[in-house]
Amino acid sequence: MKTVSHSSTASPCQPAAVSAGVDGQRRAWLCSASRALAGAGLLGVIDPLVRAGAWAAGTDAPEKTEVRIGFIPLTDCASVVMASVLGIDKKYGVRIVPTKEASWAGVRDKLINGELDFAHVLYGMMYGVHLGVGGPRTDMAVLMNLNQNGQAITLSSKLRDEGVTSGETLAALMRDKPRTYTFAQTFPTGTHAMWLYYWLAAHGIHPMKDAKVITVPPPQMVANMRVGNMDGFCVGEPWNARAILDGIGYTANTSQDIWPDHPEKVLGATAEFVASYPNTARAVTAAVLEAGKWIDASPENRRKTAETIAAKSYVNTNADAIMGRMLGDYDNGLGKSWHDAHAMRFYGDGAANFPYLSDGMWFMAQHKRWGLLREHPDYLAVARQVNRIDVYRQAAAAAGVSVPDAELRKSTLIDGVVWDGTDAAAYADGFAIKA
């Protein structure tokens, strides 16, 4: 981030601040804060609000002040929506226009052709596109993680009636009663596909050989299960909760059972857009980051968020389908209820948002495991290209969010295998069940 100085950035006390939309009261406050900091010799260490005002007036102003952010109707689009609804975007000199999309393939295409500036998007899809898997190869940029956790594996009531209540009993049924078992994910290189494949394999089921896997857009999962098109699916909320409310399925495992505090959706853009509009990328990231911080600040804020995103223009379901799991209160549809310590989080003191290089590398390793990539990529080099930690650090400074020192993290997944990003090729090749 640029250090603000009198020589390089217009002062909020100058008329330019008025033309940038700063009202009289805010302008006076910015003037006072700037003078105080200058007097203390601390003008280069400016409070985020002052910094935002200076950006709006000076050379760091967003190059594009109205941006279209695509989203899929899922609970984890919340921070994008709330950044707009709460007006947090305006604080950073931009106007976010959330744009509801029908499928992840549509999101991909509109990002690539420029119809969308940013998107609430599947982490693995960004890497797939960057490496030419699942779409035309295009350099992509992950600006921040939007959330952790909050997806699930839903199995049909028909399987429950056959005695299936877990991955172990599913594997036993598939051995004892061979037939075509069909499972759905939302995009071949996306997060839901990877959680589904990992979960099946952890229970000895080869997703490519022992089952049929289909792709279904998230809002269509429940309808497809209702008419018997699949035995199970992996999707984000609220569609797992909706299946329970509608009496057609139950939660076998949450995605946080598979990987506690796993990465999920990201704020994505093309690398070309970030290069052309770096100030806009920083401002939008800061606004969405602050919105996530607001959501996680209290249960009441989460309730307000659930009520807001339930609207037809966003997720289009009743708030009850969103509210419970948004608050961490789970019912698996089999009689078990609990408060989940690793429920969906949008901020988590900043830990949920940092674009760890190892998170991006994990998706590439799984793509290689399942044959989506023929050769091992240079995992770390690609992750450094895609995960724009430089932009994130600037945005976090603007939003007053602390940033971890390490760019890799260590996790233990459901099968007991440890992932830390240190040898991604050996990790990808080390699984007994793989393509």
Protein backbone atom coordinates (compact mmCIF):
# COMPACT_ATOMS: atom_id res chain seq x y z
CA MET A 1 0.00 0.00 0.00
CA LYS A 2 1.20 3.46 -0.81
CA THR A 3 2.32 5.70 2.05
CA VAL A 4 0.19 8.82 2.05
CA SER A 5 2.12 12.06 1.87
CA HIS A 6 1.33 15.66 1.04
CA SER A 7 3.32 15.41 -2.16
CA SER A 8 1.76 12.23 -3.57
CA THR A 9 -1.83 12.13 -2.29
CA ALA A 10 -4.49 14.80 -2.09
CA SER A 11 -5.24 15.79 1.49
CA PRO A 12 -8.78 15.23 2.78
CA CYS A 13 -8.68 18.93 3.71
CA GLN A 14 -8.42 19.90 0.05
CA PRO A 15 -11.43 20.55 -2.21
CA ALA A 16 -10.74 17.29 -4.05
CA ALA A 17 -12.09 15.46 -1.03
CA VAL A 18 -15.48 17.10 -1.52
CA SER A 19 -15.61 16.09 -5.15
CA ALA A 20 -14.87 12.52 -4.08
CA GLY A 21 -18.08 12.48 -2.08
CA VAL A 22 -16.85 13.20 1.44
CA ASP A 23 -19.50 15.21 3.29
CA GLY A 24 -18.68 18.23 5.42
CA GLN A 25 -18.68 16.48 8.78
CA ARG A 26 -16.54 13.59 7.57
CA ARG A 27 -14.19 15.99 5.77
CA ALA A 28 -13.69 17.97 8.95
CA TRP A 29 -12.95 14.78 10.87
CA LEU A 30 -10.45 13.64 8.23
CA CYS A 31 -8.75 17.06 8.31
CA SER A 32 -8.42 16.94 12.07
CA ALA A 33 -7.10 13.38 12.05
CA SER A 34 -4.61 14.14 9.29
CA ARG A 35 -3.26 17.23 11.06
CA ALA A 36 -2.89 15.33 14.32
CA LEU A 37 -1.05 12.48 12.66
CA ALA A 38 1.16 14.86 10.71
CA GLY A 39 2.01 16.74 13.89
CA ALA A 40 3.01 13.50 15.55
CA GLY A 41 5.10 12.46 12.56
CA LEU A 42 2.78 9.51 11.94
CA LEU A 43 1.11 10.45 8.70
CA GLY A 44 2.40 7.24 7.10
CA VAL A 45 0.67 5.13 9.76
CA ILE A 46 -2.88 6.25 9.18
CA ASP A 47 -6.07 4.92 10.71
CA PRO A 48 -8.05 2.89 8.13
CA LEU A 49 -10.89 5.40 7.97
CA VAL A 50 -8.49 8.26 7.24
CA ARG A 51 -6.72 6.11 4.70
CA ALA A 52 -10.01 5.28 2.98
CA GLY A 53 -10.87 8.96 2.75
CA ALA A 54 -7.47 9.81 1.33
CA TRP A 55 -7.77 7.07 -1.26
CA ALA A 56 -11.12 8.42 -2.37
CA ALA A 57 -9.53 11.80 -2.97
CA GLY A 58 -6.07 11.04 -4.26
CA THR A 59 -3.93 8.91 -6.55
CA ASP A 60 -4.95 5.72 -4.76
CA ALA A 61 -8.61 6.25 -5.64
CA PRO A 62 -10.36 3.20 -7.15
CA GLU A 63 -10.03 3.36 -10.92
CA LYS A 64 -13.47 1.82 -11.33
CA THR A 65 -16.05 2.99 -8.82
CA GLU A 66 -18.95 0.65 -9.69
CA VAL A 67 -18.20 -3.07 -9.83
CA ARG A 68 -20.28 -6.14 -10.59
CA ILE A 69 -19.68 -9.11 -8.30
CA GLY A 70 -21.24 -12.37 -9.36
CA PHE A 71 -22.56 -14.77 -6.74
CA ILE A 72 -24.36 -18.10 -6.53
CA PRO A 73 -27.34 -18.39 -4.13
CA LEU A 74 -25.49 -19.81 -1.14
CA THR A 75 -25.12 -18.70 2.46
CA ASP A 76 -21.44 -17.98 1.92
CA CYS A 77 -22.18 -15.14 -0.51
CA ALA A 78 -23.10 -13.16 2.63
CA SER A 79 -20.06 -10.89 2.97
CA VAL A 80 -20.34 -9.75 -0.65
CA VAL A 81 -24.03 -8.98 -0.21
CA MET A 82 -23.62 -7.28 3.18
CA ALA A 83 -20.75 -5.10 1.94
CA SER A 84 -23.28 -3.64 -0.47
CA VAL A 85 -26.37 -3.63 1.77
CA LEU A 86 -24.58 -2.01 4.72
CA GLY A 87 -22.87 0.58 2.52
CA ILE A 88 -19.40 -0.54 3.59
CA ASP A 89 -18.36 -0.43 -0.06
CA LYS A 90 -18.89 3.35 -0.20
CA LYS A 91 -16.46 3.85 2.65
CA TYR A 92 -13.76 2.52 0.33
CA GLY A 93 -14.85 4.56 -2.67
CA VAL A 94 -16.67 1.86 -4.63
CA ARG A 95 -20.23 0.67 -5.25
CA ILE A 96 -20.68 -3.09 -5.26
CA VAL A 97 -23.48 -4.46 -7.43
CA PRO A 98 -24.13 -8.09 -6.44
CA THR A 99 -25.18 -10.09 -9.52
CA LYS A 100 -27.05 -13.37 -9.04
CA GLU A 101 -25.83 -16.14 -11.33
CA ALA A 102 -27.32 -19.53 -12.21
CA SER A 103 -24.26 -21.79 -12.26
CA TRP A 104 -20.54 -21.87 -11.57
CA ALA A 105 -19.85 -22.35 -15.27
CA GLY A 106 -21.73 -19.11 -15.88
CA VAL A 107 -19.67 -17.34 -13.24
CA ARG A 108 -16.47 -18.61 -14.85
CA ASP A 109 -17.48 -17.48 -18.33
CA LYS A 110 -18.61 -14.03 -17.20
CA LEU A 111 -15.41 -13.45 -15.24
CA ILE A 112 -13.31 -14.40 -18.24
CA ASN A 113 -15.24 -12.28 -20.75
CA GLY A 114 -15.47 -9.26 -18.45
CA GLU A 115 -19.21 -9.23 -17.79
CA LEU A 116 -18.31 -9.60 -14.10
CA ASP A 117 -15.50 -7.72 -12.39
CA PHE A 118 -15.26 -10.04 -9.38
CA ALA A 119 -17.06 -13.12 -8.12
CA HIS A 120 -17.93 -15.13 -5.05
CA VAL A 121 -16.41 -18.24 -6.51
CA LEU A 122 -15.18 -21.78 -5.86
CA TYR A 123 -11.53 -21.86 -4.76
CA GLY A 124 -10.67 -24.89 -6.88
CA MET A 125 -12.38 -23.46 -9.93
CA MET A 126 -10.01 -20.49 -9.92
CA TYR A 127 -7.03 -22.83 -10.01
CA GLY A 128 -8.63 -25.04 -12.63
CA VAL A 129 -9.15 -22.09 -14.97
CA HIS A 130 -5.64 -20.78 -14.30
CA LEU A 131 -4.19 -24.17 -15.30
CA GLY A 132 -6.55 -24.74 -18.22
CA VAL A 133 -8.69 -27.41 -16.54
CA GLY A 134 -12.47 -27.06 -16.76
CA GLY A 135 -12.44 -24.00 -18.99
CA PRO A 136 -10.26 -21.88 -21.28
CA ARG A 137 -6.90 -21.19 -19.64
CA THR A 138 -6.91 -17.69 -18.17
CA ASP A 139 -4.66 -16.14 -15.54
CA MET A 140 -6.75 -15.73 -12.38
CA ALA A 141 -6.42 -13.95 -9.05
CA VAL A 142 -7.64 -15.03 -5.62
CA LEU A 143 -7.88 -11.87 -3.53
CA MET A 144 -9.19 -13.29 -0.25
CA ASN A 145 -10.92 -16.25 1.29
CA LEU A 146 -14.57 -15.34 1.86
CA ASN A 147 -15.30 -18.02 4.44
CA GLN A 148 -14.27 -21.26 6.04
CA ASN A 149 -16.44 -24.35 6.67
CA GLY A 150 -20.20 -24.60 6.21
CA GLN A 151 -20.74 -27.16 3.43
CA ALA A 152 -21.99 -30.74 3.84
CA ILE A 153 -22.49 -34.20 2.38
CA THR A 154 -26.22 -34.90 2.11
CA LEU A 155 -27.50 -38.43 1.53
CA SER A 156 -31.01 -39.32 0.41
CA SER A 157 -33.80 -40.56 2.67
CA LYS A 158 -33.88 -43.68 0.49
CA LEU A 159 -30.36 -44.54 1.66
CA ARG A 160 -31.41 -43.91 5.25
CA ASP A 161 -34.24 -46.39 4.77
CA GLU A 162 -31.64 -48.93 3.59
CA GLY A 163 -29.71 -48.47 6.84
CA VAL A 164 -27.13 -45.92 5.71
CA THR A 165 -26.30 -43.36 8.39
CA SER A 166 -22.60 -42.71 7.71
CA GLY A 167 -19.78 -43.11 5.24
CA GLU A 168 -18.96 -46.54 6.69
CA THR A 169 -22.50 -47.87 6.27
CA LEU A 170 -22.70 -46.36 2.78
CA ALA A 171 -19.55 -48.26 1.79
CA ALA A 172 -21.01 -51.47 3.22
CA LEU A 173 -24.25 -51.03 1.28
CA MET A 174 -22.39 -50.32 -1.96
CA ARG A 175 -20.41 -53.53 -1.49
CA ASP A 176 -23.42 -55.65 -0.52
CA LYS A 177 -25.91 -54.26 -3.04
CA PRO A 178 -24.07 -53.33 -6.25
CA ARG A 179 -25.94 -50.88 -8.47
CA THR A 180 -25.29 -47.43 -9.89
CA TYR A 181 -24.92 -45.00 -7.02
CA THR A 182 -25.07 -41.39 -8.18
CA PHE A 183 -23.62 -38.42 -6.34
CA ALA A 184 -23.63 -34.76 -7.32
CA GLN A 185 -21.15 -31.95 -6.93
CA THR A 186 -21.37 -28.40 -8.25
CA PHE A 187 -18.33 -28.04 -10.55
CA PRO A 188 -15.66 -30.59 -11.53
CA THR A 189 -12.66 -28.68 -10.15
CA GLY A 190 -14.53 -26.92 -7.34
CA THR A 191 -14.57 -27.28 -3.59
CA HIS A 192 -17.70 -29.45 -3.43
CA ALA A 193 -16.25 -31.98 -5.86
CA MET A 194 -13.07 -32.18 -3.79
CA TRP A 195 -14.95 -32.59 -0.47
CA LEU A 196 -17.17 -35.27 -2.01
CA TYR A 197 -14.26 -37.19 -3.55
CA TYR A 198 -12.17 -36.93 -0.39
CA TRP A 199 -15.05 -38.12 1.81
CA LEU A 200 -15.90 -41.08 -0.42
CA ALA A 201 -12.25 -42.12 -0.68
CA ALA A 202 -11.75 -41.81 3.07
CA HIS A 203 -14.40 -44.52 3.40
CA GLY A 204 -12.88 -46.76 0.76
CA ILE A 205 -15.17 -45.69 -2.10
CA HIS A 206 -13.47 -44.70 -5.36
CA PRO A 207 -15.50 -41.77 -6.73
CA MET A 208 -14.51 -42.50 -10.34
CA LYS A 209 -14.83 -46.30 -10.32
CA ASP A 210 -17.40 -47.18 -7.67
CA ALA A 211 -19.91 -44.36 -8.26
CA LYS A 212 -21.37 -42.08 -10.88
CA VAL A 213 -20.68 -38.40 -10.27
CA ILE A 214 -22.73 -35.65 -11.93
CA THR A 215 -22.60 -31.85 -11.87
CA VAL A 216 -25.65 -29.92 -10.63
CA PRO A 217 -25.89 -26.18 -9.81
CA PRO A 218 -26.36 -25.55 -6.06
CA PRO A 219 -29.97 -24.24 -6.13
CA GLN A 220 -31.05 -27.31 -8.12
CA MET A 221 -29.65 -29.93 -5.73
CA VAL A 222 -32.76 -30.35 -3.58
CA ALA A 223 -35.13 -30.56 -6.55
CA ASN A 224 -32.97 -33.21 -8.21
CA MET A 225 -32.78 -35.31 -5.06
CA ARG A 226 -36.55 -35.01 -4.62
CA VAL A 227 -37.16 -36.69 -7.98
CA GLY A 228 -34.53 -39.37 -7.36
CA ASN A 229 -31.74 -38.20 -9.62
CA MET A 230 -29.03 -38.80 -7.03
CA ASP A 231 -28.24 -40.74 -3.88
CA GLY A 232 -26.24 -37.94 -2.37
CA PHE A 233 -24.65 -34.55 -2.99
CA CYS A 234 -22.12 -32.11 -1.67
CA VAL A 235 -23.12 -28.45 -1.69
CA GLY A 236 -23.01 -25.31 0.39
CA GLU A 237 -25.72 -24.15 2.74
CA PRO A 238 -28.60 -23.62 2.92
CA TRP A 239 -29.30 -26.52 0.55
CA ASN A 240 -28.22 -29.24 2.97
CA ALA A 241 -30.48 -27.81 5.66
CA ARG A 242 -33.22 -27.38 3.06
CA ALA A 243 -33.06 -31.11 2.20
CA ILE A 244 -33.66 -31.94 5.87
CA LEU A 245 -36.53 -29.46 6.20
CA ASP A 246 -38.12 -30.95 3.08
CA GLY A 247 -37.71 -34.49 4.41
CA ILE A 248 -35.74 -35.79 1.45
CA GLY A 249 -32.24 -36.15 2.91
CA TYR A 250 -29.93 -35.91 5.90
CA THR A 251 -26.40 -34.72 6.69
CA ALA A 252 -23.90 -37.58 6.72
CA ASN A 253 -20.94 -35.28 7.44
CA THR A 254 -20.22 -31.59 7.35
CA SER A 255 -17.27 -30.34 5.31
CA GLN A 256 -15.64 -29.20 8.56
CA ASP A 257 -15.71 -32.86 9.60
CA ILE A 258 -13.57 -33.50 6.52
CA TRP A 259 -11.19 -30.58 7.13
CA PRO A 260 -11.75 -28.34 10.18
CA ASP A 261 -11.54 -24.67 9.16
CA HIS A 262 -11.06 -25.51 5.51
CA PRO A 263 -10.94 -22.83 2.81
CA GLU A 264 -14.16 -22.43 0.86
CA LYS A 265 -15.33 -19.61 -1.44
CA VAL A 266 -12.99 -16.83 -2.49
CA LEU A 267 -13.24 -13.34 -3.89
CA GLY A 268 -11.91 -13.92 -7.37
CA ALA A 269 -11.07 -11.88 -10.46
CA THR A 270 -8.95 -12.28 -13.55
CA ALA A 271 -5.30 -11.37 -13.19
CA GLU A 272 -5.81 -8.89 -16.03
CA PHE A 273 -8.52 -7.05 -14.09
CA VAL A 274 -6.32 -6.76 -10.99
CA ALA A 275 -3.43 -5.47 -13.09
CA SER A 276 -5.66 -2.88 -14.79
CA TYR A 277 -7.53 -1.80 -11.64
CA PRO A 278 -5.24 -2.42 -8.65
CA ASN A 279 -6.80 0.26 -6.44
CA THR A 280 -10.27 -1.09 -7.17
CA ALA A 281 -9.15 -4.61 -6.29
CA ARG A 282 -7.75 -3.39 -2.99
CA ALA A 283 -10.84 -1.30 -2.15
CA VAL A 284 -13.32 -4.10 -2.92
CA THR A 285 -11.27 -6.62 -0.94
CA ALA A 286 -11.18 -4.25 2.04
CA ALA A 287 -14.94 -3.68 1.87
CA VAL A 288 -15.79 -7.37 1.71
CA LEU A 289 -13.27 -8.12 4.45
CA GLU A 290 -14.90 -5.54 6.72
CA ALA A 291 -18.34 -6.96 5.93
CA GLY A 292 -17.19 -10.42 7.03
CA LYS A 293 -15.86 -8.88 10.22
CA TRP A 294 -19.27 -7.29 10.83
CA ILE A 295 -21.12 -10.58 10.26
CA ASP A 296 -18.95 -12.46 12.75
CA ALA A 297 -19.12 -9.68 15.36
CA SER A 298 -22.30 -10.98 17.05
CA PRO A 299 -25.10 -13.55 16.80
CA GLU A 300 -27.48 -10.65 16.15
CA ASN A 301 -25.45 -9.59 13.11
CA ARG A 302 -25.58 -13.18 11.86
CA ARG A 303 -29.36 -13.21 12.28
CA LYS A 304 -29.68 -9.94 10.37
CA THR A 305 -27.46 -11.37 7.65
CA ALA A 306 -29.54 -14.54 7.35
CA GLU A 307 -32.74 -12.49 7.06
CA THR A 308 -31.15 -10.27 4.42
CA ILE A 309 -29.68 -12.93 2.16
CA ALA A 310 -32.86 -15.06 2.33
CA ALA A 311 -34.54 -12.57 -0.02
CA LYS A 312 -35.54 -13.60 -3.52
CA SER A 313 -32.82 -11.39 -5.01
CA TYR A 314 -30.15 -13.36 -3.15
CA VAL A 315 -30.56 -16.96 -1.90
CA ASN A 316 -34.34 -17.13 -2.34
CA THR A 317 -35.39 -19.35 0.55
CA ASN A 318 -36.96 -18.76 3.94
CA ALA A 319 -34.66 -17.40 6.64
CA ASP A 320 -35.21 -20.49 8.82
CA ALA A 321 -33.34 -22.61 6.30
CA ILE A 322 -30.31 -20.33 6.68
CA MET A 323 -30.50 -19.22 10.30
CA GLY A 324 -29.71 -22.39 12.27
CA ARG A 325 -26.46 -23.38 10.60
CA MET A 326 -25.50 -19.72 10.21
CA LEU A 327 -25.54 -19.60 14.02
CA GLY A 328 -23.71 -22.93 14.28
CA ASP A 329 -26.76 -24.90 15.40
CA TYR A 330 -26.93 -28.20 13.53
CA ASP A 331 -29.50 -30.98 13.22
CA ASN A 332 -28.39 -33.82 10.96
CA GLY A 333 -31.90 -35.07 10.18
CA LEU A 334 -31.22 -38.35 12.01
CA GLY A 335 -31.99 -37.12 15.50
CA LYS A 336 -28.61 -35.63 16.39
CA SER A 337 -28.32 -31.92 17.28
CA TRP A 338 -25.21 -29.99 18.24
CA HIS A 339 -23.53 -26.60 18.24
CA ASP A 340 -20.65 -26.84 15.80
CA ALA A 341 -17.34 -25.38 16.94
CA HIS A 342 -16.26 -25.10 13.29
CA ALA A 343 -19.40 -23.68 11.72
CA MET A 344 -19.19 -21.29 8.79
CA ARG A 345 -17.18 -18.21 9.65
CA PHE A 346 -16.59 -15.11 7.59
CA TYR A 347 -13.81 -13.49 9.60
CA GLY A 348 -12.56 -15.39 12.66
CA ASP A 349 -10.26 -12.51 13.67
CA GLY A 350 -8.89 -12.51 10.14
CA ALA A 351 -7.88 -16.18 10.15
CA ALA A 352 -10.76 -17.10 7.86
CA ASN A 353 -9.79 -14.64 5.15
CA PHE A 354 -6.05 -14.90 4.58
CA PRO A 355 -5.31 -16.53 1.18
CA TYR A 356 -2.81 -19.09 2.42
CA LEU A 357 -0.61 -20.42 -0.36
CA SER A 358 -1.02 -23.93 1.04
CA ASP A 359 -4.79 -23.70 0.62
CA GLY A 360 -4.44 -23.08 -3.09
CA MET A 361 -1.80 -25.79 -3.36
CA TRP A 362 -4.15 -28.32 -1.74
CA PHE A 363 -6.68 -27.93 -4.53
CA MET A 364 -4.00 -28.44 -7.16
CA ALA A 365 -2.80 -31.56 -5.33
CA GLN A 366 -6.34 -32.95 -5.33
CA HIS A 367 -6.75 -32.08 -9.01
CA LYS A 368 -3.62 -34.12 -9.68
CA ARG A 369 -4.84 -36.95 -7.42
CA TRP A 370 -8.05 -37.30 -9.40
CA GLY A 371 -6.48 -37.01 -12.84
CA LEU A 372 -7.73 -33.51 -13.63
CA LEU A 373 -4.09 -32.49 -13.99
CA ARG A 374 -1.88 -34.88 -15.94
CA GLU A 375 1.41 -33.57 -14.56
CA HIS A 376 2.47 -32.00 -11.31
CA PRO A 377 2.50 -28.21 -11.61
CA ASP A 378 5.03 -26.07 -9.77
CA TYR A 379 2.67 -25.92 -6.82
CA LEU A 380 4.25 -23.08 -4.87
CA ALA A 381 5.00 -20.94 -7.91
CA VAL A 382 1.43 -21.23 -9.20
CA ALA A 383 0.00 -20.45 -5.77
CA ARG A 384 2.15 -17.31 -5.59
CA GLN A 385 0.79 -16.24 -8.98
CA VAL A 386 -2.86 -16.82 -8.11
CA ASN A 387 -3.16 -15.93 -4.43
CA ARG A 388 -2.60 -12.18 -4.36
CA ILE A 389 -1.26 -11.85 -0.84
CA ASP A 390 0.13 -8.42 -1.76
CA VAL A 391 -3.34 -7.05 -2.47
CA TYR A 392 -4.77 -8.78 0.59
CA ARG A 393 -2.16 -7.22 2.89
CA GLN A 394 -3.03 -3.75 1.60
CA ALA A 395 -6.75 -4.37 2.00
CA ALA A 396 -6.29 -5.81 5.49
CA ALA A 397 -4.33 -2.72 6.52
CA ALA A 398 -7.19 -0.55 5.27
CA ALA A 399 -9.77 -2.60 7.16
CA GLY A 400 -7.72 -2.83 10.35
CA VAL A 401 -7.28 -6.60 10.12
CA SER A 402 -4.18 -8.42 11.36
CA VAL A 403 -2.34 -10.66 8.90
CA PRO A 404 -0.53 -13.90 9.84
CA ASP A 405 3.20 -14.10 9.26
CA ALA A 406 3.19 -17.58 7.73
CA GLU A 407 1.88 -18.18 4.20
CA LEU A 408 1.47 -21.95 4.73
CA ARG A 409 -0.60 -23.71 7.38
CA LYS A 410 -0.91 -27.25 8.73
CA SER A 411 -4.11 -29.30 8.94
CA THR A 412 -5.16 -32.90 9.61
CA LEU A 413 -8.06 -34.17 7.48
CA ILE A 414 -10.71 -36.81 8.15
CA ASP A 415 -8.48 -39.73 7.08
CA GLY A 416 -5.69 -38.67 9.45
CA VAL A 417 -3.43 -37.46 6.63
CA VAL A 418 -1.59 -34.23 7.42
CA TRP A 419 -1.40 -31.42 4.87
CA ASP A 420 1.13 -28.62 5.30
CA GLY A 421 2.07 -27.68 1.73
CA THR A 422 5.73 -28.68 2.08
CA ASP A 423 5.74 -31.49 -0.52
CA ALA A 424 2.57 -31.26 -2.57
CA ALA A 425 3.68 -33.73 -5.23
CA ALA A 426 4.42 -36.48 -2.69
CA TYR A 427 1.14 -35.70 -0.95
CA ALA A 428 -0.88 -36.01 -4.17
CA ASP A 429 0.84 -39.27 -5.12
CA GLY A 430 0.61 -40.77 -1.65
CA PHE A 431 -3.08 -41.68 -1.55
CA ALA A 432 -4.09 -45.31 -1.99
CA ILE A 433 -7.29 -44.27 -3.77
CA LYS A 434 -6.62 -41.95 -6.70
CA ALA A 435 -7.20 -41.72 -10.43
